[in-house]
C-alpha atoms as a PDB file:
ATOM      1  CA  MET A   1      30.183   6.246 -10.277  1.00  0.00           C
ATOM      2  CA  PHE A   2      27.767   9.000 -11.340  1.00  0.00           C
ATOM      3  CA  SER A   3      30.184  11.782 -10.459  1.00  0.00           C
ATOM      4  CA  GLN A   4      32.395  10.828 -13.398  1.00  0.00           C
ATOM      5  CA  LEU A   5      29.620  11.457 -15.938  1.00  0.00           C
ATOM      6  CA  ARG A   6      29.905  14.724 -17.816  1.00  0.00           C
ATOM      7  CA  GLY A   7      27.285  16.782 -19.659  1.00  0.00           C
ATOM      8  CA  TRP A   8      27.167  14.755 -22.866  1.00  0.00           C
ATOM      9  CA  GLU A   9      26.835  11.461 -21.042  1.00  0.00           C
ATOM     10  CA  TRP A  10      23.887  12.793 -19.027  1.00  0.00           C
ATOM     11  CA  LEU A  11      22.302  14.123 -22.208  1.00  0.00           C
ATOM     12  CA  ILE A  12      22.572  10.713 -23.872  1.00  0.00           C
ATOM     13  CA  ILE A  13      21.122   8.964 -20.805  1.00  0.00           C
ATOM     14  CA  VAL A  14      18.179  11.394 -20.676  1.00  0.00           C
ATOM     15  CA  ALA A  15      17.561  10.942 -24.424  1.00  0.00           C
ATOM     16  CA  LEU A  16      17.555   7.147 -24.053  1.00  0.00           C
ATOM     17  CA  ILE A  17      15.099   7.319 -21.155  1.00  0.00           C
ATOM     18  CA  LEU A  18      12.871   9.647 -23.151  1.00  0.00           C
ATOM     19  CA  LEU A  19      12.953   7.259 -26.115  1.00  0.00           C
ATOM     20  CA  LEU A  20      12.246   4.199 -23.975  1.00  0.00           C
ATOM     21  CA  PHE A  21       9.375   5.569 -21.896  1.00  0.00           C
ATOM     22  CA  GLY A  22       7.994   8.383 -24.030  1.00  0.00           C
ATOM     23  CA  ALA A  23       7.190  11.950 -23.047  1.00  0.00           C
ATOM     24  CA  LYS A  24       3.666  11.115 -21.876  1.00  0.00           C
ATOM     25  CA  ARG A  25       4.722   8.455 -19.356  1.00  0.00           C
ATOM     26  CA  LEU A  26       7.612  10.326 -17.732  1.00  0.00           C
ATOM     27  CA  PRO A  27       5.502  12.705 -15.582  1.00  0.00           C
ATOM     28  CA  ASP A  28       3.382   9.794 -14.337  1.00  0.00           C
ATOM     29  CA  ALA A  29       6.488   7.753 -13.573  1.00  0.00           C
ATOM     30  CA  ALA A  30       8.073  10.664 -11.692  1.00  0.00           C
ATOM     31  CA  ARG A  31       4.841  11.245  -9.754  1.00  0.00           C
ATOM     32  CA  GLY A  32       4.652   7.567  -8.793  1.00  0.00           C
ATOM     33  CA  LEU A  33       8.294   7.554  -7.739  1.00  0.00           C
ATOM     34  CA  GLY A  34       7.712  10.651  -5.591  1.00  0.00           C
ATOM     35  CA  ARG A  35       4.702   9.060  -3.886  1.00  0.00           C
ATOM     36  CA  SER A  36       6.640   5.871  -3.248  1.00  0.00           C
ATOM     37  CA  LEU A  37       9.542   7.774  -1.707  1.00  0.00           C
ATOM     38  CA  ARG A  38       7.140   9.811   0.450  1.00  0.00           C
ATOM     39  CA  ILE A  39       5.449   6.625   1.746  1.00  0.00           C
ATOM     40  CA  PHE A  40       8.818   4.978   2.358  1.00  0.00           C
ATOM     41  CA  LYS A  41      10.042   8.008   4.301  1.00  0.00           C
ATOM     42  CA  ALA A  42       6.887   8.079   6.438  1.00  0.00           C
ATOM     43  CA  GLU A  43       7.112   4.354   7.192  1.00  0.00           C
ATOM     44  CA  THR A  44      10.785   4.496   8.158  1.00  0.00           C
ATOM     45  CA  LYS A  45      10.088   7.500  10.395  1.00  0.00           C
ATOM     46  CA  GLY A  46       7.214   5.617  12.022  1.00  0.00           C
ATOM     47  CA  LEU A  47       9.443   2.589  12.530  1.00  0.00           C
ATOM     48  CA  ALA A  48      12.132   4.749  14.116  1.00  0.00           C
ATOM     49  CA  ASP A  49       9.525   6.379  16.385  1.00  0.00           C
ATOM     50  CA  ASP A  50       8.214   2.958  17.458  1.00  0.00           C
ATOM     51  CA  THR A  51      11.738   1.765  18.187  1.00  0.00           C
ATOM     52  CA  SER A  52      12.521   4.836  20.278  1.00  0.00           C
ATOM     53  CA  LYS A  53       9.264   4.456  22.256  1.00  0.00           C
ATOM     54  CA  ASP A  54      10.030   0.794  22.961  1.00  0.00           C
ATOM     55  CA  ALA A  55      13.569   1.654  24.057  1.00  0.00           C
ATOM     56  CA  SER A  56      12.364   4.385  26.411  1.00  0.00           C
ATOM     57  CA  GLY A  57      10.132   1.897  28.243  1.00  0.00           C
ATOM     58  CA  LYS A  58       6.795   3.339  27.219  1.00  0.00           C
ATOM     59  CA  ALA A  59       4.077   0.817  26.427  1.00  0.00           C
ATOM     60  CA  THR A  60       2.842   0.827  22.889  1.00  0.00           C
ATOM     61  CA  ASP A  61      -0.792   1.666  22.262  1.00  0.00           C
ATOM     62  CA  PRO A  62      -2.761  -1.536  21.548  1.00  0.00           C
ATOM     63  CA  ALA A  63      -5.331   0.454  19.562  1.00  0.00           C
ATOM     64  CA  THR A  64      -2.980   1.141  16.690  1.00  0.00           C
ATOM     65  CA  PRO A  65      -4.238   0.380  13.190  1.00  0.00           C
ATOM     66  CA  ASP A  66      -1.818  -2.567  12.940  1.00  0.00           C
ATOM     67  CA  ALA A  67      -3.346  -4.198  16.011  1.00  0.00           C
ATOM     68  CA  LEU A  68      -6.857  -3.558  14.764  1.00  0.00           C
ATOM     69  CA  SER A  69      -6.287  -4.911  11.265  1.00  0.00           C
ATOM     70  CA  ALA A  70      -5.361  -8.449  12.339  1.00  0.00           C
ATOM     71  CA  PRO A  71      -8.244 -10.730  13.399  1.00  0.00           C
ATOM     72  CA  ALA A  72      -8.263 -12.132  16.887  1.00  0.00           C
ATOM     73  CA  PRO A  73      -6.865 -15.698  17.108  1.00  0.00           C
ATOM     74  CA  GLU A  74     -10.192 -17.067  18.329  1.00  0.00           C
ATOM     75  CA  ALA A  75     -11.911 -15.592  15.260  1.00  0.00           C
ATOM     76  CA  LEU A  76      -9.763 -17.657  12.914  1.00  0.00           C
ATOM     77  CA  PRO A  77     -11.009 -21.134  11.926  1.00  0.00           C
ATOM     78  CA  ALA A  78      -9.104 -24.102  13.300  1.00  0.00           C
ATOM     79  CA  ALA A  79      -6.960 -26.189  10.977  1.00  0.00           C
ATOM     80  CA  GLY A  80      -9.095 -28.447   8.817  1.00  0.00           C
ATOM     81  CA  GLN A  81     -12.301 -26.488   9.413  1.00  0.00           C
ATOM     82  CA  ALA A  82     -14.107 -24.389   6.869  1.00  0.00           C
ATOM     83  CA  PRO A  83     -14.498 -20.704   7.676  1.00  0.00           C
ATOM     84  CA  PRO A  84     -17.941 -19.725   8.982  1.00  0.00           C
ATOM     85  CA  ALA A  85     -20.457 -18.863   6.310  1.00  0.00           C
ATOM     86  CA  ALA A  86     -21.315 -15.223   5.838  1.00  0.00           C
ATOM     87  CA  PRO A  87     -24.873 -14.267   6.786  1.00  0.00           C
ATOM     88  CA  ALA A  88     -27.206 -14.292   3.823  1.00  0.00           C
ATOM     89  CA  ALA A  89     -28.298 -10.906   2.572  1.00  0.00           C
ATOM     90  CA  ALA A  90     -31.979 -10.143   2.833  1.00  0.00           C
ATOM     91  CA  GLU A  91     -33.546 -10.627  -0.545  1.00  0.00           C
ATOM     92  CA  ALA A  92     -35.762  -7.902  -1.907  1.00  0.00           C
ATOM     93  CA  PRO A  93     -39.173  -9.062  -3.116  1.00  0.00           C
ATOM     94  CA  ALA A  94     -39.472  -9.427  -6.851  1.00  0.00           C
ATOM     95  CA  PRO A  95     -41.556  -6.760  -8.554  1.00  0.00           C
ATOM     96  CA  GLU A  96     -45.035  -7.839  -9.535  1.00  0.00           C
ATOM     97  CA  ARG A  97     -45.535  -8.502 -13.194  1.00  0.00           C
ATOM     98  CA  THR A  98     -48.671  -7.347 -14.856  1.00  0.00           C
ATOM     99  CA  GLU A  99     -49.855  -9.117 -17.951  1.00  0.00           C
ATOM    100  CA  GLY A 100     -51.502  -6.975 -20.461  1.00  0.00           C
END
């Protein structure tokens, strides 16, 4: 599809993108796209590594960040119950007011 585009077609496409997004937003958009692709690549590599470890018979480490981020089932409130109240923060004493 893109291999059939010649020089003028690419120039028109680039000009339209420049007009739509503006010159100031293009570097930020490219930077964001690069970060997203880098994160995606790292996650797919991690997924492939996890799959290969599971296939080789090695046990996965239970202390991975994924296992630590989820609360334990007993820490979750039962259906129909309100979650436990957070402990109240210690209140600082109010400053004394001097009348004068």
